[in-house]
Amino acid sequence: MREDACVERNSRRGAGAWILILVAAMTLLTVPAQAIMQAVEPATAKIGIVLTVTGANLGKTSVSEVYLTDGTHDYKATIVEQQDTSLKIVVPVSVKPGRFSLAYKPADNPNAVLEQPVKVTIE
């Protein structure tokens, strides 16, 4: 009788572990993947020009806003086209000439702005 109690207790532990794994997997499925900006064309542009940014997870479920940043000032760009592997933005009229990194606001975290290792020069 004692063996039966051990087997029953161990099977309950196994079920609990499977439930935890299932909950963790469901959580991962609901979190949008982090966007990765890999390139921008053209690499040198003027105010009002459309830039094409390529990378991964750039769709609306991952990226809500895009910025040009010099590390001190963030200039919000207008997104005119957005897909999972690319997006098109307009260089804002408020930006000053210089070299800028691209940054984005994650769709699931409106308080964050994540700078990317992609640079563009504005003339």
PDB file of N, CA and C in Angstrom:
ATOM      1  N   MET A   1       0.821  -1.186   0.000  1.00  0.00           N
ATOM      2  CA  MET A   1       0.000   0.000   0.000  1.00  0.00           C
ATOM      3  C   MET A   1       0.868   1.254   0.000  1.00  0.00           C
ATOM      4  N   ARG A   2       1.943   1.181   0.654  1.00  0.00           N
ATOM      5  CA  ARG A   2       2.845   2.313   0.721  1.00  0.00           C
ATOM      6  C   ARG A   2       3.452   2.616  -0.656  1.00  0.00           C
ATOM      7  N   GLU A   3       3.754   1.583  -1.443  1.00  0.00           N
ATOM      8  CA  GLU A   3       4.271   1.793  -2.800  1.00  0.00           C
ATOM      9  C   GLU A   3       3.254   2.526  -3.665  1.00  0.00           C
ATOM     10  N   ASP A   4       1.972   2.175  -3.518  1.00  0.00           N
ATOM     11  CA  ASP A   4       0.930   2.839  -4.299  1.00  0.00           C
ATOM     12  C   ASP A   4       0.889   4.336  -3.990  1.00  0.00           C
ATOM     13  N   ALA A   5       1.056   4.678  -2.729  1.00  0.00           N
ATOM     14  CA  ALA A   5       1.027   6.089  -2.339  1.00  0.00           C
ATOM     15  C   ALA A   5       2.198   6.840  -2.964  1.00  0.00           C
ATOM     16  N   CYS A   6       3.383   6.208  -3.017  1.00  0.00           N
ATOM     17  CA  CYS A   6       4.551   6.844  -3.635  1.00  0.00           C
ATOM     18  C   CYS A   6       4.340   7.051  -5.125  1.00  0.00           C
ATOM     19  N   VAL A   7       3.793   6.068  -5.803  1.00  0.00           N
ATOM     20  CA  VAL A   7       3.557   6.167  -7.238  1.00  0.00           C
ATOM     21  C   VAL A   7       2.557   7.274  -7.516  1.00  0.00           C
ATOM     22  N   GLU A   8       1.480   7.339  -6.704  1.00  0.00           N
ATOM     23  CA  GLU A   8       0.464   8.367  -6.910  1.00  0.00           C
ATOM     24  C   GLU A   8       1.056   9.758  -6.665  1.00  0.00           C
ATOM     25  N   ARG A   9       1.844   9.925  -5.637  1.00  0.00           N
ATOM     26  CA  ARG A   9       2.456  11.212  -5.320  1.00  0.00           C
ATOM     27  C   ARG A   9       3.410  11.636  -6.438  1.00  0.00           C
ATOM     28  N   ASN A  10       4.227  10.730  -6.954  1.00  0.00           N
ATOM     29  CA  ASN A  10       5.163  11.045  -8.031  1.00  0.00           C
ATOM     30  C   ASN A  10       4.431  11.415  -9.316  1.00  0.00           C
ATOM     31  N   SER A  11       3.318  10.752  -9.593  1.00  0.00           N
ATOM     32  CA  SER A  11       2.593  11.094 -10.814  1.00  0.00           C
ATOM     33  C   SER A  11       1.969  12.484 -10.698  1.00  0.00           C
ATOM     34  N   ARG A  12       1.580  12.894  -9.500  1.00  0.00           N
ATOM     35  CA  ARG A  12       1.065  14.250  -9.302  1.00  0.00           C
ATOM     36  C   ARG A  12       2.162  15.280  -9.552  1.00  0.00           C
ATOM     37  N   ARG A  13       3.359  14.994  -9.097  1.00  0.00           N
ATOM     38  CA  ARG A  13       4.479  15.909  -9.325  1.00  0.00           C
ATOM     39  C   ARG A  13       4.755  16.059 -10.820  1.00  0.00           C
ATOM     40  N   GLY A  14       4.707  14.953 -11.535  1.00  0.00           N
ATOM     41  CA  GLY A  14       4.928  14.996 -12.974  1.00  0.00           C
ATOM     42  C   GLY A  14       3.880  15.831 -13.684  1.00  0.00           C
ATOM     43  N   ALA A  15       2.627  15.728 -13.269  1.00  0.00           N
ATOM     44  CA  ALA A  15       1.556  16.521 -13.875  1.00  0.00           C
ATOM     45  C   ALA A  15       1.772  18.004 -13.607  1.00  0.00           C
ATOM     46  N   GLY A  16       2.211  18.335 -12.406  1.00  0.00           N
ATOM     47  CA  GLY A  16       2.480  19.734 -12.070  1.00  0.00           C
ATOM     48  C   GLY A  16       3.581  20.314 -12.925  1.00  0.00           C
ATOM     49  N   ALA A  17       4.617  19.529 -13.180  1.00  0.00           N
ATOM     50  CA  ALA A  17       5.716  19.997 -14.023  1.00  0.00           C
ATOM     51  C   ALA A  17       5.225  20.248 -15.445  1.00  0.00           C
ATOM     52  N   TRP A  18       4.367  19.381 -15.962  1.00  0.00           N
ATOM     53  CA  TRP A  18       3.849  19.562 -17.316  1.00  0.00           C
ATOM     54  C   TRP A  18       2.968  20.804 -17.411  1.00  0.00           C
ATOM     55  N   ILE A  19       2.241  21.086 -16.359  1.00  0.00           N
ATOM     56  CA  ILE A  19       1.402  22.288 -16.348  1.00  0.00           C
ATOM     57  C   ILE A  19       2.279  23.528 -16.390  1.00  0.00           C
ATOM     58  N   LEU A  20       3.374  23.542 -15.618  1.00  0.00           N
ATOM     59  CA  LEU A  20       4.297  24.677 -15.631  1.00  0.00           C
ATOM     60  C   LEU A  20       4.929  24.866 -17.009  1.00  0.00           C
ATOM     61  N   ILE A  21       5.301  23.782 -17.648  1.00  0.00           N
ATOM     62  CA  ILE A  21       5.891  23.852 -18.987  1.00  0.00           C
ATOM     63  C   ILE A  21       4.866  24.409 -19.972  1.00  0.00           C
ATOM     64  N   LEU A  22       3.635  23.964 -19.878  1.00  0.00           N
ATOM     65  CA  LEU A  22       2.576  24.436 -20.762  1.00  0.00           C
ATOM     66  C   LEU A  22       2.319  25.929 -20.567  1.00  0.00           C
ATOM     67  N   VAL A  23       2.259  26.388 -19.327  1.00  0.00           N
ATOM     68  CA  VAL A  23       2.045  27.817 -19.048  1.00  0.00           C
ATOM     69  C   VAL A  23       3.214  28.641 -19.585  1.00  0.00           C
ATOM     70  N   ALA A  24       4.446  28.175 -19.394  1.00  0.00           N
ATOM     71  CA  ALA A  24       5.619  28.893 -19.909  1.00  0.00           C
ATOM     72  C   ALA A  24       5.582  28.973 -21.433  1.00  0.00           C
ATOM     73  N   ALA A  25       5.213  27.901 -22.087  1.00  0.00           N
ATOM     74  CA  ALA A  25       5.139  27.891 -23.548  1.00  0.00           C
ATOM     75  C   ALA A  25       4.057  28.852 -24.043  1.00  0.00           C
ATOM     76  N   MET A  26       2.927  28.896 -23.385  1.00  0.00           N
ATOM     77  CA  MET A  26       1.861  29.807 -23.789  1.00  0.00           C
ATOM     78  C   MET A  26       2.294  31.259 -23.605  1.00  0.00           C
ATOM     79  N   THR A  27       3.045  31.544 -22.551  1.00  0.00           N
ATOM     80  CA  THR A  27       3.548  32.893 -22.314  1.00  0.00           C
ATOM     81  C   THR A  27       4.501  33.305 -23.424  1.00  0.00           C
ATOM     82  N   LEU A  28       5.386  32.412 -23.831  1.00  0.00           N
ATOM     83  CA  LEU A  28       6.320  32.719 -24.909  1.00  0.00           C
ATOM     84  C   LEU A  28       5.604  32.980 -26.223  1.00  0.00           C
ATOM     85  N   LEU A  29       4.520  32.301 -26.456  1.00  0.00           N
ATOM     86  CA  LEU A  29       3.790  32.469 -27.701  1.00  0.00           C
ATOM     87  C   LEU A  29       3.078  33.820 -27.775  1.00  0.00           C
ATOM     88  N   THR A  30       2.766  34.417 -26.628  1.00  0.00           N
ATOM     89  CA  THR A  30       2.038  35.680 -26.638  1.00  0.00           C
ATOM     90  C   THR A  30       2.955  36.903 -26.617  1.00  0.00           C
ATOM     91  N   VAL A  31       4.247  36.714 -26.387  1.00  0.00           N
ATOM     92  CA  VAL A  31       5.186  37.830 -26.355  1.00  0.00           C
ATOM     93  C   VAL A  31       5.720  38.064 -27.764  1.00  0.00           C
ATOM     94  N   PRO A  32       5.548  39.285 -28.305  1.00  0.00           N
ATOM     95  CA  PRO A  32       6.071  39.540 -29.650  1.00  0.00           C
ATOM     96  C   PRO A  32       7.593  39.438 -29.674  1.00  0.00           C
ATOM     97  N   ALA A  33       8.114  38.973 -30.773  1.00  0.00           N
ATOM     98  CA  ALA A  33       9.564  38.862 -30.914  1.00  0.00           C
ATOM     99  C   ALA A  33      10.178  40.253 -30.991  1.00  0.00           C
ATOM    100  N   GLN A  34      11.378  40.380 -30.477  1.00  0.00           N
ATOM    101  CA  GLN A  34      12.053  41.674 -30.495  1.00  0.00           C
ATOM    102  C   GLN A  34      12.482  42.026 -31.912  1.00  0.00           C
ATOM    103  N   ALA A  35      12.257  43.270 -32.290  1.00  0.00           N
ATOM    104  CA  ALA A  35      12.635  43.748 -33.620  1.00  0.00           C
ATOM    105  C   ALA A  35      14.147  43.871 -33.727  1.00  0.00           C
ATOM    106  N   ILE A  36      14.648  43.617 -34.929  1.00  0.00           N
ATOM    107  CA  ILE A  36      16.070  43.770 -35.219  1.00  0.00           C
ATOM    108  C   ILE A  36      16.196  44.544 -36.521  1.00  0.00           C
ATOM    109  N   MET A  37      16.773  45.732 -36.434  1.00  0.00           N
ATOM    110  CA  MET A  37      17.041  46.527 -37.631  1.00  0.00           C
ATOM    111  C   MET A  37      18.463  46.230 -38.070  1.00  0.00           C
ATOM    112  N   GLN A  38      18.625  45.779 -39.333  1.00  0.00           N
ATOM    113  CA  GLN A  38      19.937  45.349 -39.811  1.00  0.00           C
ATOM    114  C   GLN A  38      20.572  46.301 -40.817  1.00  0.00           C
ATOM    115  N   ALA A  39      19.757  47.042 -41.572  1.00  0.00           N
ATOM    116  CA  ALA A  39      20.305  47.938 -42.599  1.00  0.00           C
ATOM    117  C   ALA A  39      19.311  49.039 -42.901  1.00  0.00           C
ATOM    118  N   VAL A  40      19.833  50.149 -43.436  1.00  0.00           N
ATOM    119  CA  VAL A  40      18.992  51.255 -43.886  1.00  0.00           C
ATOM    120  C   VAL A  40      19.528  51.752 -45.222  1.00  0.00           C
ATOM    121  N   GLU A  41      18.612  52.037 -46.145  1.00  0.00           N
ATOM    122  CA  GLU A  41      18.967  52.559 -47.473  1.00  0.00           C
ATOM    123  C   GLU A  41      18.098  53.753 -47.787  1.00  0.00           C
ATOM    124  N   PRO A  42      18.604  54.800 -48.309  1.00  0.00           N
ATOM    125  CA  PRO A  42      20.027  55.042 -48.510  1.00  0.00           C
ATOM    126  C   PRO A  42      20.724  55.335 -47.184  1.00  0.00           C
ATOM    127  N   ALA A  43      22.035  55.167 -47.172  1.00  0.00           N
ATOM    128  CA  ALA A  43      22.818  55.402 -45.956  1.00  0.00           C
ATOM    129  C   ALA A  43      23.015  56.890 -45.686  1.00  0.00           C
ATOM    130  N   THR A  44      22.849  57.706 -46.722  1.00  0.00           N
ATOM    131  CA  THR A  44      22.915  59.163 -46.601  1.00  0.00           C
ATOM    132  C   THR A  44      21.652  59.731 -47.223  1.00  0.00           C
ATOM    133  N   ALA A  45      20.982  60.639 -46.506  1.00  0.00           N
ATOM    134  CA  ALA A  45      19.702  61.157 -46.998  1.00  0.00           C
ATOM    135  C   ALA A  45      19.493  62.607 -46.569  1.00  0.00           C
ATOM    136  N   LYS A  46      18.430  63.189 -47.083  1.00  0.00           N
ATOM    137  CA  LYS A  46      18.037  64.550 -46.732  1.00  0.00           C
ATOM    138  C   LYS A  46      16.656  64.521 -46.090  1.00  0.00           C
ATOM    139  N   ILE A  47      16.280  65.618 -45.467  1.00  0.00           N
ATOM    140  CA  ILE A  47      14.964  65.742 -44.843  1.00  0.00           C
ATOM    141  C   ILE A  47      13.880  65.442 -45.870  1.00  0.00           C
ATOM    142  N   GLY A  48      12.876  64.684 -45.451  1.00  0.00           N
ATOM    143  CA  GLY A  48      11.748  64.361 -46.320  1.00  0.00           C
ATOM    144  C   GLY A  48      11.925  63.126 -47.177  1.00  0.00           C
ATOM    145  N   ILE A  49      13.136  62.595 -47.236  1.00  0.00           N
ATOM    146  CA  ILE A  49      13.420  61.398 -48.035  1.00  0.00           C
ATOM    147  C   ILE A  49      12.883  60.154 -47.314  1.00  0.00           C
ATOM    148  N   VAL A  50      12.423  59.173 -48.090  1.00  0.00           N
ATOM    149  CA  VAL A  50      11.956  57.909 -47.528  1.00  0.00           C
ATOM    150  C   VAL A  50      13.147  56.967 -47.378  1.00  0.00           C
ATOM    151  N   LEU A  51      13.325  56.440 -46.174  1.00  0.00           N
ATOM    152  CA  LEU A  51      14.365  55.445 -45.886  1.00  0.00           C
ATOM    153  C   LEU A  51      13.722  54.069 -45.801  1.00  0.00           C
ATOM    154  N   THR A  52      14.405  53.070 -46.321  1.00  0.00           N
ATOM    155  CA  THR A  52      13.943  51.689 -46.204  1.00  0.00           C
ATOM    156  C   THR A  52      14.819  50.976 -45.182  1.00  0.00           C
ATOM    157  N   VAL A  53      14.186  50.494 -44.137  1.00  0.00           N
ATOM    158  CA  VAL A  53      14.876  49.773 -43.068  1.00  0.00           C
ATOM    159  C   VAL A  53      14.563  48.298 -43.242  1.00  0.00           C
ATOM    160  N   THR A  54      15.588  47.452 -43.248  1.00  0.00           N
ATOM    161  CA  THR A  54      15.372  46.011 -43.352  1.00  0.00           C
ATOM    162  C   THR A  54      15.857  45.326 -42.087  1.00  0.00           C
ATOM    163  N   GLY A  55      15.253  44.179 -41.809  1.00  0.00           N
ATOM    164  CA  GLY A  55      15.610  43.422 -40.613  1.00  0.00           C
ATOM    165  C   GLY A  55      14.598  42.331 -40.359  1.00  0.00           C
ATOM    166  N   ALA A  56      14.285  42.104 -39.097  1.00  0.00           N
ATOM    167  CA  ALA A  56      13.354  41.048 -38.708  1.00  0.00           C
ATOM    168  C   ALA A  56      12.398  41.578 -37.642  1.00  0.00           C
ATOM    169  N   ASN A  57      11.183  41.081 -37.657  1.00  0.00           N
ATOM    170  CA  ASN A  57      10.163  41.441 -36.665  1.00  0.00           C
ATOM    171  C   ASN A  57       9.898  42.944 -36.634  1.00  0.00           C
ATOM    172  N   LEU A  58       9.767  43.536 -37.810  1.00  0.00           N
ATOM    173  CA  LEU A  58       9.539  44.978 -37.907  1.00  0.00           C
ATOM    174  C   LEU A  58       8.063  45.330 -38.103  1.00  0.00           C
ATOM    175  N   GLY A  59       7.190  44.345 -38.038  1.00  0.00           N
ATOM    176  CA  GLY A  59       5.759  44.577 -38.246  1.00  0.00           C
ATOM    177  C   GLY A  59       5.112  45.338 -37.106  1.00  0.00           C
ATOM    178  N   LYS A  60       3.832  45.639 -37.277  1.00  0.00           N
ATOM    179  CA  LYS A  60       3.082  46.439 -36.311  1.00  0.00           C
ATOM    180  C   LYS A  60       2.952  45.784 -34.943  1.00  0.00           C
ATOM    181  N   THR A  61       3.057  44.457 -34.880  1.00  0.00           N
ATOM    182  CA  THR A  61       2.960  43.786 -33.580  1.00  0.00           C
ATOM    183  C   THR A  61       4.243  43.929 -32.766  1.00  0.00           C
ATOM    184  N   SER A  62       5.333  44.365 -33.415  1.00  0.00           N
ATOM    185  CA  SER A  62       6.612  44.533 -32.716  1.00  0.00           C
ATOM    186  C   SER A  62       7.062  45.987 -32.612  1.00  0.00           C
ATOM    187  N   VAL A  63       6.799  46.797 -33.639  1.00  0.00           N
ATOM    188  CA  VAL A  63       7.312  48.173 -33.700  1.00  0.00           C
ATOM    189  C   VAL A  63       6.139  49.146 -33.821  1.00  0.00           C
ATOM    190  N   SER A  64       6.047  50.091 -32.867  1.00  0.00           N
ATOM    191  CA  SER A  64       4.960  51.073 -32.944  1.00  0.00           C
ATOM    192  C   SER A  64       5.441  52.432 -33.448  1.00  0.00           C
ATOM    193  N   GLU A  65       6.711  52.783 -33.203  1.00  0.00           N
ATOM    194  CA  GLU A  65       7.267  54.060 -33.651  1.00  0.00           C
ATOM    195  C   GLU A  65       8.741  53.876 -33.969  1.00  0.00           C
ATOM    196  N   VAL A  66       9.269  54.728 -34.857  1.00  0.00           N
ATOM    197  CA  VAL A  66      10.689  54.691 -35.224  1.00  0.00           C
ATOM    198  C   VAL A  66      11.260  56.094 -35.034  1.00  0.00           C
ATOM    199  N   TYR A  67      12.499  56.144 -34.553  1.00  0.00           N
ATOM    200  CA  TYR A  67      13.174  57.415 -34.283  1.00  0.00           C
ATOM    201  C   TYR A  67      14.562  57.440 -34.908  1.00  0.00           C
ATOM    202  N   LEU A  68      15.026  58.637 -35.232  1.00  0.00           N
ATOM    203  CA  LEU A  68      16.434  58.884 -35.512  1.00  0.00           C
ATOM    204  C   LEU A  68      16.965  59.510 -34.231  1.00  0.00           C
ATOM    205  N   THR A  69      18.075  59.000 -33.713  1.00  0.00           N
ATOM    206  CA  THR A  69      18.596  59.501 -32.449  1.00  0.00           C
ATOM    207  C   THR A  69      20.090  59.770 -32.546  1.00  0.00           C
ATOM    208  N   ASP A  70      20.508  60.847 -31.904  1.00  0.00           N
ATOM    209  CA  ASP A  70      21.940  61.145 -31.808  1.00  0.00           C
ATOM    210  C   ASP A  70      22.464  60.837 -30.405  1.00  0.00           C
ATOM    211  N   GLY A  71      21.643  60.173 -29.615  1.00  0.00           N
ATOM    212  CA  GLY A  71      22.019  59.843 -28.244  1.00  0.00           C
ATOM    213  C   GLY A  71      21.516  60.864 -27.243  1.00  0.00           C
ATOM    214  N   THR A  72      21.199  62.056 -27.720  1.00  0.00           N
ATOM    215  CA  THR A  72      20.670  63.113 -26.865  1.00  0.00           C
ATOM    216  C   THR A  72      19.246  63.476 -27.281  1.00  0.00           C
ATOM    217  N   HIS A  73      19.023  63.576 -28.585  1.00  0.00           N
ATOM    218  CA  HIS A  73      17.724  63.952 -29.122  1.00  0.00           C
ATOM    219  C   HIS A  73      17.160  62.819 -29.973  1.00  0.00           C
ATOM    220  N   ASP A  74      15.880  62.555 -29.782  1.00  0.00           N
ATOM    221  CA  ASP A  74      15.166  61.559 -30.582  1.00  0.00           C
ATOM    222  C   ASP A  74      14.200  62.289 -31.501  1.00  0.00           C
ATOM    223  N   TYR A  75      14.271  61.993 -32.808  1.00  0.00           N
ATOM    224  CA  TYR A  75      13.403  62.611 -33.802  1.00  0.00           C
ATOM    225  C   TYR A  75      12.479  61.535 -34.355  1.00  0.00           C
ATOM    226  N   LYS A  76      11.176  61.686 -34.103  1.00  0.00           N
ATOM    227  CA  LYS A  76      10.208  60.676 -34.543  1.00  0.00           C
ATOM    228  C   LYS A  76      10.021  60.739 -36.055  1.00  0.00           C
ATOM    229  N   ALA A  77      10.197  59.591 -36.689  1.00  0.00           N
ATOM    230  CA  ALA A  77       9.988  59.463 -38.135  1.00  0.00           C
ATOM    231  C   ALA A  77       8.571  58.953 -38.382  1.00  0.00           C
ATOM    232  N   THR A  78       8.024  59.303 -39.512  1.00  0.00           N
ATOM    233  CA  THR A  78       6.700  58.806 -39.904  1.00  0.00           C
ATOM    234  C   THR A  78       6.886  57.477 -40.629  1.00  0.00           C
ATOM    235  N   ILE A  79       6.183  56.458 -40.152  1.00  0.00           N
ATOM    236  CA  ILE A  79       6.201  55.153 -40.828  1.00  0.00           C
ATOM    237  C   ILE A  79       5.167  55.209 -41.943  1.00  0.00           C
ATOM    238  N   VAL A  80       5.611  54.982 -43.192  1.00  0.00           N
ATOM    239  CA  VAL A  80       4.684  55.027 -44.330  1.00  0.00           C
ATOM    240  C   VAL A  80       4.357  53.636 -44.875  1.00  0.00           C
ATOM    241  N   GLU A  81       5.168  52.659 -44.515  1.00  0.00           N
ATOM    242  CA  GLU A  81       4.923  51.270 -44.932  1.00  0.00           C
ATOM    243  C   GLU A  81       5.591  50.369 -43.918  1.00  0.00           C
ATOM    244  N   GLN A  82       4.899  49.290 -43.544  1.00  0.00           N
ATOM    245  CA  GLN A  82       5.451  48.432 -42.497  1.00  0.00           C
ATOM    246  C   GLN A  82       5.116  46.969 -42.767  1.00  0.00           C
ATOM    247  N   GLN A  83       6.160  46.155 -42.841  1.00  0.00           N
ATOM    248  CA  GLN A  83       6.034  44.713 -43.001  1.00  0.00           C
ATOM    249  C   GLN A  83       6.954  44.048 -41.988  1.00  0.00           C
ATOM    250  N   ASP A  84       6.909  42.732 -41.904  1.00  0.00           N
ATOM    251  CA  ASP A  84       7.716  42.027 -40.917  1.00  0.00           C
ATOM    252  C   ASP A  84       9.217  42.145 -41.176  1.00  0.00           C
ATOM    253  N   THR A  85       9.624  42.215 -42.442  1.00  0.00           N
ATOM    254  CA  THR A  85      11.059  42.253 -42.765  1.00  0.00           C
ATOM    255  C   THR A  85      11.552  43.614 -43.233  1.00  0.00           C
ATOM    256  N   SER A  86      10.648  44.582 -43.365  1.00  0.00           N
ATOM    257  CA  SER A  86      11.082  45.922 -43.772  1.00  0.00           C
ATOM    258  C   SER A  86      10.046  46.954 -43.371  1.00  0.00           C
ATOM    259  N   LEU A  87      10.518  48.181 -43.264  1.00  0.00           N
ATOM    260  CA  LEU A  87       9.602  49.295 -43.071  1.00  0.00           C
ATOM    261  C   LEU A  87      10.180  50.521 -43.752  1.00  0.00           C
ATOM    262  N   LYS A  88       9.308  51.428 -44.115  1.00  0.00           N
ATOM    263  CA  LYS A  88       9.731  52.665 -44.775  1.00  0.00           C
ATOM    264  C   LYS A  88       9.345  53.820 -43.868  1.00  0.00           C
ATOM    265  N   ILE A  89      10.318  54.728 -43.666  1.00  0.00           N
ATOM    266  CA  ILE A  89      10.096  55.886 -42.817  1.00  0.00           C
ATOM    267  C   ILE A  89      10.509  57.147 -43.562  1.00  0.00           C
ATOM    268  N   VAL A  90       9.915  58.265 -43.184  1.00  0.00           N
ATOM    269  CA  VAL A  90      10.261  59.560 -43.760  1.00  0.00           C
ATOM    270  C   VAL A  90      11.161  60.294 -42.773  1.00  0.00           C
ATOM    271  N   VAL A  91      12.292  60.825 -43.273  1.00  0.00           N
ATOM    272  CA  VAL A  91      13.196  61.606 -42.427  1.00  0.00           C
ATOM    273  C   VAL A  91      12.430  62.843 -41.956  1.00  0.00           C
ATOM    274  N   PRO A  92      12.312  63.047 -40.637  1.00  0.00           N
ATOM    275  CA  PRO A  92      11.519  64.167 -40.128  1.00  0.00           C
ATOM    276  C   PRO A  92      12.129  65.532 -40.442  1.00  0.00           C
ATOM    277  N   VAL A  93      11.272  66.533 -40.607  1.00  0.00           N
ATOM    278  CA  VAL A  93      11.737  67.888 -40.926  1.00  0.00           C
ATOM    279  C   VAL A  93      12.476  68.529 -39.754  1.00  0.00           C
ATOM    280  N   SER A  94      12.261  68.032 -38.549  1.00  0.00           N
ATOM    281  CA  SER A  94      12.885  68.625 -37.359  1.00  0.00           C
ATOM    282  C   SER A  94      14.328  68.176 -37.139  1.00  0.00           C
ATOM    283  N   VAL A  95      14.777  67.151 -37.881  1.00  0.00           N
ATOM    284  CA  VAL A  95      16.113  66.604 -37.660  1.00  0.00           C
ATOM    285  C   VAL A  95      17.186  67.563 -38.197  1.00  0.00           C
ATOM    286  N   LYS A  96      18.297  67.633 -37.481  1.00  0.00           N
ATOM    287  CA  LYS A  96      19.447  68.456 -37.886  1.00  0.00           C
ATOM    288  C   LYS A  96      20.434  67.572 -38.660  1.00  0.00           C
ATOM    289  N   PRO A  97      21.254  68.157 -39.510  1.00  0.00           N
ATOM    290  CA  PRO A  97      22.266  67.353 -40.204  1.00  0.00           C
ATOM    291  C   PRO A  97      23.195  66.652 -39.204  1.00  0.00           C
ATOM    292  N   GLY A  98      23.571  65.427 -39.538  1.00  0.00           N
ATOM    293  CA  GLY A  98      24.470  64.660 -38.671  1.00  0.00           C
ATOM    294  C   GLY A  98      24.299  63.174 -38.867  1.00  0.00           C
ATOM    295  N   ARG A  99      24.952  62.409 -38.017  1.00  0.00           N
ATOM    296  CA  ARG A  99      24.902  60.939 -38.078  1.00  0.00           C
ATOM    297  C   ARG A  99      23.986  60.454 -36.964  1.00  0.00           C
ATOM    298  N   PHE A 100      23.043  59.590 -37.312  1.00  0.00           N
ATOM    299  CA  PHE A 100      22.036  59.140 -36.369  1.00  0.00           C
ATOM    300  C   PHE A 100      21.923  57.614 -36.357  1.00  0.00           C
ATOM    301  N   SER A 101      21.586  57.098 -35.195  1.00  0.00           N
ATOM    302  CA  SER A 101      21.193  55.694 -35.066  1.00  0.00           C
ATOM    303  C   SER A 101      19.689  55.622 -35.229  1.00  0.00           C
ATOM    304  N   LEU A 102      19.212  54.469 -35.630  1.00  0.00           N
ATOM    305  CA  LEU A 102      17.773  54.238 -35.637  1.00  0.00           C
ATOM    306  C   LEU A 102      17.385  53.621 -34.305  1.00  0.00           C
ATOM    307  N   ALA A 103      16.203  53.939 -33.853  1.00  0.00           N
ATOM    308  CA  ALA A 103      15.664  53.384 -32.613  1.00  0.00           C
ATOM    309  C   ALA A 103      14.173  53.145 -32.834  1.00  0.00           C
ATOM    310  N   TYR A 104      13.586  52.295 -31.998  1.00  0.00           N
ATOM    311  CA  TYR A 104      12.156  52.039 -32.141  1.00  0.00           C
ATOM    312  C   TYR A 104      11.502  51.884 -30.781  1.00  0.00           C
ATOM    313  N   LYS A 105      10.211  52.117 -30.765  1.00  0.00           N
ATOM    314  CA  LYS A 105       9.393  51.906 -29.571  1.00  0.00           C
ATOM    315  C   LYS A 105       8.692  50.564 -29.757  1.00  0.00           C
ATOM    316  N   PRO A 106       8.927  49.607 -28.853  1.00  0.00           N
ATOM    317  CA  PRO A 106       8.252  48.309 -28.979  1.00  0.00           C
ATOM    318  C   PRO A 106       6.738  48.456 -28.808  1.00  0.00           C
ATOM    319  N   ALA A 107       5.993  47.723 -29.591  1.00  0.00           N
ATOM    320  CA  ALA A 107       4.536  47.782 -29.522  1.00  0.00           C
ATOM    321  C   ALA A 107       4.020  47.338 -28.157  1.00  0.00           C
ATOM    322  N   ASP A 108       4.747  46.442 -27.496  1.00  0.00           N
ATOM    323  CA  ASP A 108       4.288  45.922 -26.203  1.00  0.00           C
ATOM    324  C   ASP A 108       4.868  46.681 -25.011  1.00  0.00           C
ATOM    325  N   ASN A 109       5.672  47.734 -25.253  1.00  0.00           N
ATOM    326  CA  ASN A 109       6.257  48.504 -24.156  1.00  0.00           C
ATOM    327  C   ASN A 109       6.394  49.969 -24.578  1.00  0.00           C
ATOM    328  N   PRO A 110       5.310  50.743 -24.461  1.00  0.00           N
ATOM    329  CA  PRO A 110       5.326  52.122 -24.948  1.00  0.00           C
ATOM    330  C   PRO A 110       6.266  53.059 -24.187  1.00  0.00           C
ATOM    331  N   ASN A 111       6.827  52.614 -23.083  1.00  0.00           N
ATOM    332  CA  ASN A 111       7.747  53.460 -22.317  1.00  0.00           C
ATOM    333  C   ASN A 111       9.206  53.280 -22.723  1.00  0.00           C
ATOM    334  N   ALA A 112       9.484  52.310 -23.576  1.00  0.00           N
ATOM    335  CA  ALA A 112      10.868  52.023 -23.970  1.00  0.00           C
ATOM    336  C   ALA A 112      11.152  52.537 -25.372  1.00  0.00           C
ATOM    337  N   VAL A 113      12.396  52.922 -25.593  1.00  0.00           N
ATOM    338  CA  VAL A 113      12.898  53.226 -26.931  1.00  0.00           C
ATOM    339  C   VAL A 113      14.218  52.478 -27.056  1.00  0.00           C
ATOM    340  N   LEU A 114      14.298  51.558 -28.001  1.00  0.00           N
ATOM    341  CA  LEU A 114      15.457  50.678 -28.138  1.00  0.00           C
ATOM    342  C   LEU A 114      16.311  51.089 -29.330  1.00  0.00           C
ATOM    343  N   GLU A 115      17.528  51.518 -29.037  1.00  0.00           N
ATOM    344  CA  GLU A 115      18.451  51.939 -30.092  1.00  0.00           C
ATOM    345  C   GLU A 115      19.015  50.729 -30.809  1.00  0.00           C
ATOM    346  N   GLN A 116      19.160  50.841 -32.115  1.00  0.00           N
ATOM    347  CA  GLN A 116      19.656  49.759 -32.963  1.00  0.00           C
ATOM    348  C   GLN A 116      21.038  50.105 -33.520  1.00  0.00           C
ATOM    349  N   PRO A 117      21.809  49.101 -33.942  1.00  0.00           N
ATOM    350  CA  PRO A 117      23.157  49.356 -34.452  1.00  0.00           C
ATOM    351  C   PRO A 117      23.170  49.742 -35.925  1.00  0.00           C
ATOM    352  N   VAL A 118      22.165  50.491 -36.364  1.00  0.00           N
ATOM    353  CA  VAL A 118      22.031  50.911 -37.754  1.00  0.00           C
ATOM    354  C   VAL A 118      22.167  52.438 -37.790  1.00  0.00           C
ATOM    355  N   LYS A 119      23.006  52.945 -38.680  1.00  0.00           N
ATOM    356  CA  LYS A 119      23.284  54.389 -38.743  1.00  0.00           C
ATOM    357  C   LYS A 119      22.875  54.962 -40.093  1.00  0.00           C
ATOM    358  N   VAL A 120      22.468  56.225 -40.059  1.00  0.00           N
ATOM    359  CA  VAL A 120      22.142  56.963 -41.267  1.00  0.00           C
ATOM    360  C   VAL A 120      22.717  58.382 -41.107  1.00  0.00           C
ATOM    361  N   THR A 121      23.219  58.941 -42.202  1.00  0.00           N
ATOM    362  CA  THR A 121      23.731  60.312 -42.192  1.00  0.00           C
ATOM    363  C   THR A 121      22.703  61.210 -42.867  1.00  0.00           C
ATOM    364  N   ILE A 122      22.344  62.282 -42.174  1.00  0.00           N
ATOM    365  CA  ILE A 122      21.402  63.256 -42.715  1.00  0.00           C
ATOM    366  C   ILE A 122      22.191  64.501 -43.117  1.00  0.00           C
ATOM    367  N   GLU A 123      22.029  64.921 -44.366  1.00  0.00           N
ATOM    368  CA  GLU A 123      22.746  66.099 -44.878  1.00  0.00           C
ATOM    369  C   GLU A 123      21.903  67.349 -44.710  1.00  0.00           C
TER     370      GLU A 123
END
